[in-house]
Amino acid sequence: MGLMKVFSGSEILALSLQEHLEVAGIATTIKNNIQSGRLAGFGTSDLAVEVFIQETDFNKAHKIIEDFRMSL
């Protein structure tokens, strides 16, 4: 199985979701296009940080992700 994108948004919200998932024991990967764009010399939008999890963890993570989205 591979990685599955579960969130795309601001850096602050992505880090918050990452914390919620990791407390539940779900490993995450963050792709920060803001930092990548800054280093390359061009700007990006505010929705440039993505959170990924393993596809096999989705059933475990689904409730956490939905609760997080409903709290926004």
Protein backbone atom coordinates (compact mmCIF):
# COMPACT_ATOMS: atom_id res chain seq x y z
CA MET A 1 0.00 0.00 0.00
CA GLY A 2 1.01 3.62 -0.36
CA LEU A 3 0.48 7.04 1.08
CA MET A 4 -2.92 8.73 1.04
CA LYS A 5 -3.47 12.50 1.28
CA VAL A 6 -5.94 13.25 4.06
CA PHE A 7 -5.57 17.03 4.40
CA SER A 8 -4.43 20.06 2.45
CA GLY A 9 -4.41 23.48 4.06
CA SER A 10 -2.45 25.96 6.10
CA GLU A 11 0.70 24.94 7.92
CA ILE A 12 -0.84 25.56 11.35
CA LEU A 13 -3.87 23.37 10.66
CA ALA A 14 -1.74 20.63 9.07
CA LEU A 15 0.53 20.49 12.11
CA SER A 16 -2.49 20.37 14.41
CA LEU A 17 -3.99 17.42 12.50
CA GLN A 18 -0.61 15.72 12.48
CA GLU A 19 -0.48 16.00 16.27
CA HIS A 20 -3.99 14.51 16.65
CA LEU A 21 -3.11 11.57 14.41
CA GLU A 22 0.25 10.85 16.02
CA VAL A 23 -1.27 10.87 19.53
CA ALA A 24 -3.55 8.07 18.25
CA GLY A 25 -0.49 6.15 17.02
CA ILE A 26 -0.93 6.91 13.31
CA ALA A 27 2.29 7.82 11.49
CA THR A 28 2.06 10.86 9.23
CA THR A 29 4.11 12.52 6.53
CA ILE A 30 3.97 16.26 5.87
CA LYS A 31 4.66 17.79 2.47
CA ASN A 32 5.32 21.49 2.94
CA ASN A 33 5.13 23.24 -0.43
CA ILE A 34 5.43 26.64 1.26
CA GLN A 35 8.97 25.92 2.42
CA SER A 36 9.84 24.26 -0.88
CA GLY A 37 8.61 27.27 -2.83
CA ARG A 38 10.41 29.71 -0.59
CA LEU A 39 13.69 27.86 -1.02
CA ALA A 40 13.22 27.79 -4.79
CA GLY A 41 12.50 31.53 -4.88
CA PHE A 42 8.78 31.64 -5.67
CA GLY A 43 5.65 31.99 -3.59
CA THR A 44 2.83 29.55 -2.96
CA SER A 45 -0.74 29.70 -1.73
CA ASP A 46 -1.81 29.20 1.90
CA LEU A 47 -3.18 25.73 1.07
CA ALA A 48 0.22 24.33 0.31
CA VAL A 49 0.81 21.96 3.23
CA GLU A 50 -0.42 18.39 2.86
CA VAL A 51 -0.76 15.58 5.42
CA PHE A 52 -0.38 11.97 4.29
CA ILE A 53 -0.98 8.67 6.09
CA GLN A 54 -0.55 5.05 5.07
CA GLU A 55 -3.63 3.70 3.26
CA THR A 56 -3.76 0.84 5.74
CA ASP A 57 -4.26 3.34 8.61
CA PHE A 58 -7.27 5.08 7.03
CA ASN A 59 -9.96 3.16 8.92
CA LYS A 60 -8.24 4.03 12.19
CA ALA A 61 -7.72 7.68 11.18
CA HIS A 62 -11.10 8.41 9.57
CA LYS A 63 -12.93 9.44 12.77
CA ILE A 64 -10.03 11.64 13.91
CA ILE A 65 -9.88 13.40 10.54
CA GLU A 66 -13.64 13.96 10.39
CA ASP A 67 -13.74 15.31 13.96
CA PHE A 68 -10.86 17.63 13.12
CA ARG A 69 -12.61 18.95 9.98
CA MET A 70 -15.87 19.48 11.84
CA SER A 71 -14.07 21.54 14.50
CA LEU A 72 -12.75 24.04 11.94
